[in-house]
Protein backbone atom coordinates (compact mmCIF):
# COMPACT_ATOMS: atom_id res chain seq x y z
CA MET A 1 -206.83 67.07 -65.98
CA THR A 2 -206.12 69.73 -63.37
CA SER A 3 -204.08 72.67 -64.67
CA ILE A 4 -200.70 73.56 -63.24
CA GLU A 5 -202.17 76.95 -62.24
CA THR A 6 -204.80 75.16 -60.15
CA LEU A 7 -202.11 73.05 -58.47
CA ARG A 8 -200.05 76.13 -57.66
CA ALA A 9 -203.07 77.89 -56.17
CA PHE A 10 -204.52 74.90 -54.34
CA HIS A 11 -201.38 73.60 -52.67
CA HIS A 12 -200.45 76.78 -50.82
CA PRO A 13 -200.99 75.90 -47.12
CA THR A 14 -203.35 78.79 -46.33
CA ARG A 15 -205.34 78.29 -49.52
CA ARG A 16 -205.60 74.56 -48.86
CA ARG A 17 -207.08 75.32 -45.42
CA MET A 18 -209.50 77.78 -47.02
CA VAL A 19 -210.66 75.20 -49.55
CA ASP A 20 -211.08 72.64 -46.77
CA PHE A 21 -213.17 75.11 -44.74
CA LEU A 22 -215.37 76.00 -47.73
CA HIS A 23 -215.78 72.33 -48.53
CA LEU A 24 -216.99 71.56 -45.00
CA HIS A 25 -219.06 74.67 -44.33
CA GLY A 26 -220.21 75.87 -47.74
CA PRO A 27 -220.29 79.51 -48.87
CA THR A 28 -218.61 81.73 -46.30
CA GLN A 29 -217.88 85.40 -45.67
CA VAL A 30 -214.31 86.62 -45.93
CA GLY A 31 -214.40 87.80 -42.29
CA THR A 32 -215.53 84.38 -41.10
CA LEU A 33 -212.74 82.66 -43.05
CA ALA A 34 -210.21 85.07 -41.55
CA ARG A 35 -211.45 84.51 -38.00
CA GLU A 36 -211.72 80.72 -38.29
CA LEU A 37 -208.28 80.34 -39.90
CA GLY A 38 -206.50 82.91 -37.71
CA GLN A 39 -205.63 85.14 -40.69
CA GLN A 40 -206.06 88.80 -41.59
CA VAL A 41 -209.01 89.72 -43.85
CA GLY A 42 -206.63 91.24 -46.42
CA SER A 43 -204.62 88.03 -46.58
CA ILE A 44 -207.75 85.92 -47.01
CA SER A 45 -208.97 88.25 -49.78
CA HIS A 46 -205.63 87.90 -51.59
CA HIS A 47 -205.74 84.10 -51.37
CA LEU A 48 -209.36 84.03 -52.54
CA ARG A 49 -208.37 86.02 -55.64
CA MET A 50 -205.59 83.50 -56.34
CA LEU A 51 -208.04 80.63 -56.00
CA GLU A 52 -210.57 82.47 -58.16
CA ARG A 53 -208.01 82.91 -60.98
CA ALA A 54 -207.40 79.16 -60.85
CA GLY A 55 -211.14 78.41 -61.03
CA VAL A 56 -211.33 76.89 -57.55
CA VAL A 57 -213.66 79.47 -55.91
CA VAL A 58 -216.17 82.04 -57.12
CA PRO A 59 -217.80 85.02 -55.42
CA ALA A 60 -221.31 84.46 -54.06
CA PRO A 61 -222.68 88.05 -54.06
CA GLU A 62 -226.28 86.83 -53.81
CA LEU A 63 -225.56 85.86 -50.18
CA ALA A 64 -224.37 89.32 -49.11
CA THR A 65 -226.79 91.18 -46.88
CA ASP A 66 -225.04 94.51 -47.43
CA GLY A 67 -222.32 96.00 -49.61
CA ARG A 68 -219.62 95.40 -47.00
CA THR A 69 -219.73 91.61 -46.89
CA SER A 70 -218.01 89.40 -49.41
CA TRP A 71 -219.13 85.77 -49.71
CA TRP A 72 -217.30 82.98 -51.57
CA ARG A 73 -218.10 79.40 -52.55
CA LEU A 74 -216.19 76.49 -54.02
CA GLU A 75 -216.45 76.13 -57.77
CA GLN A 76 -214.21 73.07 -57.96
CA THR A 77 -214.78 70.55 -55.18
CA SER A 78 -211.89 68.18 -55.93
CA VAL A 79 -208.43 68.26 -57.45
CA SER A 80 -207.27 65.11 -59.18
CA TRP A 81 -203.92 64.88 -60.94
CA SER A 82 -200.66 63.04 -61.42
CA VAL A 83 -197.17 64.38 -62.00
CA ASP A 84 -197.25 62.37 -65.24
CA ASP A 85 -200.08 64.64 -66.46
CA PHE A 86 -197.39 67.28 -67.07
CA ALA A 87 -194.86 65.12 -68.93
CA GLY A 88 -193.21 67.06 -71.71
CA ASP A 89 -193.26 70.39 -69.85
CA ALA A 90 -190.20 70.53 -67.60
CA ALA A 91 -191.33 73.61 -65.64
CA ALA A 92 -194.78 72.14 -65.05
CA MET A 93 -193.23 68.82 -63.96
CA VAL A 94 -191.15 70.66 -61.34
CA ALA A 95 -194.24 72.52 -60.11
CA ALA A 96 -196.33 69.33 -60.05
CA THR A 97 -193.62 67.49 -58.11
CA ALA A 98 -193.51 70.36 -55.59
CA ALA A 99 -197.32 70.24 -55.30
CA GLU A 100 -197.12 66.49 -54.71
CA ARG A 101 -194.65 67.05 -51.86
CA LEU A 102 -196.89 69.76 -50.37
CA ASN A 103 -199.87 67.42 -50.57
CA ILE A 104 -197.97 64.68 -48.73
CA ASP A 105 -196.80 67.21 -46.13
CA HIS A 106 -200.44 68.30 -45.69
CA GLN A 107 -201.60 64.72 -45.19
CA LEU A 108 -198.82 63.82 -42.77
CA GLY A 109 -199.35 67.11 -40.92
CA LYS A 110 -203.00 66.21 -40.35
CA LEU A 111 -201.96 62.79 -38.99
CA ALA A 112 -199.28 64.30 -36.74
CA ALA A 113 -201.75 66.88 -35.39
CA TRP A 114 -204.22 64.10 -34.51
CA LYS A 115 -201.51 62.04 -32.81
CA ARG A 116 -200.52 65.04 -30.66
CA VAL A 117 -204.04 65.32 -29.21
CA ALA A 118 -205.38 61.76 -29.51
CA ALA A 119 -204.61 60.76 -25.92
CA LYS A 120 -206.81 63.63 -24.65
CA ALA A 121 -209.58 63.18 -27.22
CA ASP A 122 -213.03 61.84 -26.45
CA PRO A 123 -212.81 58.04 -26.19
CA ALA A 124 -215.44 57.68 -28.92
CA TRP A 125 -213.16 59.56 -31.34
CA ARG A 126 -210.13 57.54 -30.26
CA GLN A 127 -212.10 54.36 -30.92
CA ALA A 128 -213.40 55.59 -34.30
CA ALA A 129 -210.02 56.76 -35.58
CA PHE A 130 -208.25 54.12 -37.62
CA THR A 131 -205.28 53.21 -39.68
CA THR A 132 -205.22 50.48 -42.24
CA ASP A 133 -202.75 49.01 -44.64
CA LEU A 134 -202.43 45.94 -46.78
CA LEU A 135 -199.89 44.25 -48.97
CA ALA A 136 -200.87 42.36 -52.14
CA LEU A 137 -199.61 41.39 -55.56
CA ALA A 138 -201.38 43.43 -58.25
CA THR A 139 -201.11 44.88 -61.74
CA PRO A 140 -201.34 48.63 -62.38
CA GLU A 141 -204.90 48.07 -63.61
CA GLU A 142 -205.83 46.24 -60.42
CA LEU A 143 -204.36 49.02 -58.28
CA THR A 144 -206.35 51.56 -60.33
CA ALA A 145 -209.50 49.50 -59.73
CA LEU A 146 -208.80 49.56 -55.97
CA GLN A 147 -208.35 53.35 -56.03
CA GLU A 148 -211.65 53.75 -57.87
CA ALA A 149 -213.45 51.43 -55.45
CA ILE A 150 -212.05 53.26 -52.40
CA SER A 151 -213.04 56.62 -53.91
CA GLU A 152 -216.58 55.36 -54.58
CA VAL A 153 -216.92 54.03 -51.02
CA ALA A 154 -215.71 57.39 -49.64
CA ARG A 155 -218.11 59.39 -51.85
CA SER A 156 -221.01 57.12 -50.93
CA TRP A 157 -220.17 57.34 -47.22
CA ARG A 158 -220.00 61.15 -47.35
CA ALA A 159 -223.25 61.39 -49.34
CA GLY A 160 -225.01 59.17 -46.78
CA ILE A 161 -224.32 61.49 -43.85
CA ASP A 162 -227.56 63.17 -42.77
CA THR A 163 -226.32 66.62 -41.76
CA ASP A 164 -229.86 67.66 -40.80
CA ASP A 165 -230.33 65.06 -38.04
CA GLY A 166 -229.12 67.36 -35.25
CA ALA A 167 -226.05 65.26 -34.40
CA VAL A 168 -222.86 67.10 -33.48
CA ARG A 169 -220.17 66.41 -36.09
CA GLU A 170 -216.47 67.13 -36.23
CA PRO A 171 -214.43 67.46 -39.43
CA VAL A 172 -212.70 64.16 -40.23
CA PHE A 173 -209.81 63.59 -42.62
CA VAL A 174 -209.28 60.28 -44.38
CA TYR A 175 -206.52 59.48 -46.83
CA ALA A 176 -204.98 56.42 -48.39
CA HIS A 177 -202.03 55.78 -50.65
CA GLY A 178 -201.44 52.78 -52.87
CA PHE A 179 -198.13 52.25 -54.63
CA PRO A 180 -195.68 49.56 -55.70
CA THR A 181 -193.19 48.49 -53.05
CA ARG A 182 -190.72 45.80 -52.06
CA PRO A 183 -191.18 43.54 -49.02
């Protein structure tokens, strides 16, 4: 189970972007993170320390070429949790619920950003982008099985990408939600 401290650290908007960048690009210098995310070096350093305390990132001093550069890498590559994980601790439940809202805002923000630029995007990306939904009758166990199957397909797809083939790649964001509903 993910700790409430990890949730608090991870779901800050700037820190979430930092984790996303490190996930996509691997170990990175503080200055590069600052430049790529449009932030000040001091701000990035502060956020890295917050993520380090939560066990999400660790320094990578072996990558430094001199004493002035500071490199960081992800220690924890995924965050998996449910608000129910914090049942019995009212303060943690409030924080987990807030993190859940921030996560949904993050996901919807990514979708909204794509929709703002989609009409001007390369036709190949417009064609590749997708949305999918389905409606079915299921038990909680069956919905859990679907979540596990989707996660396995996503992991397998990502692992099968040959990043050394010379192809130009863009970051892509995929998310899905499954929940009980009424017609």
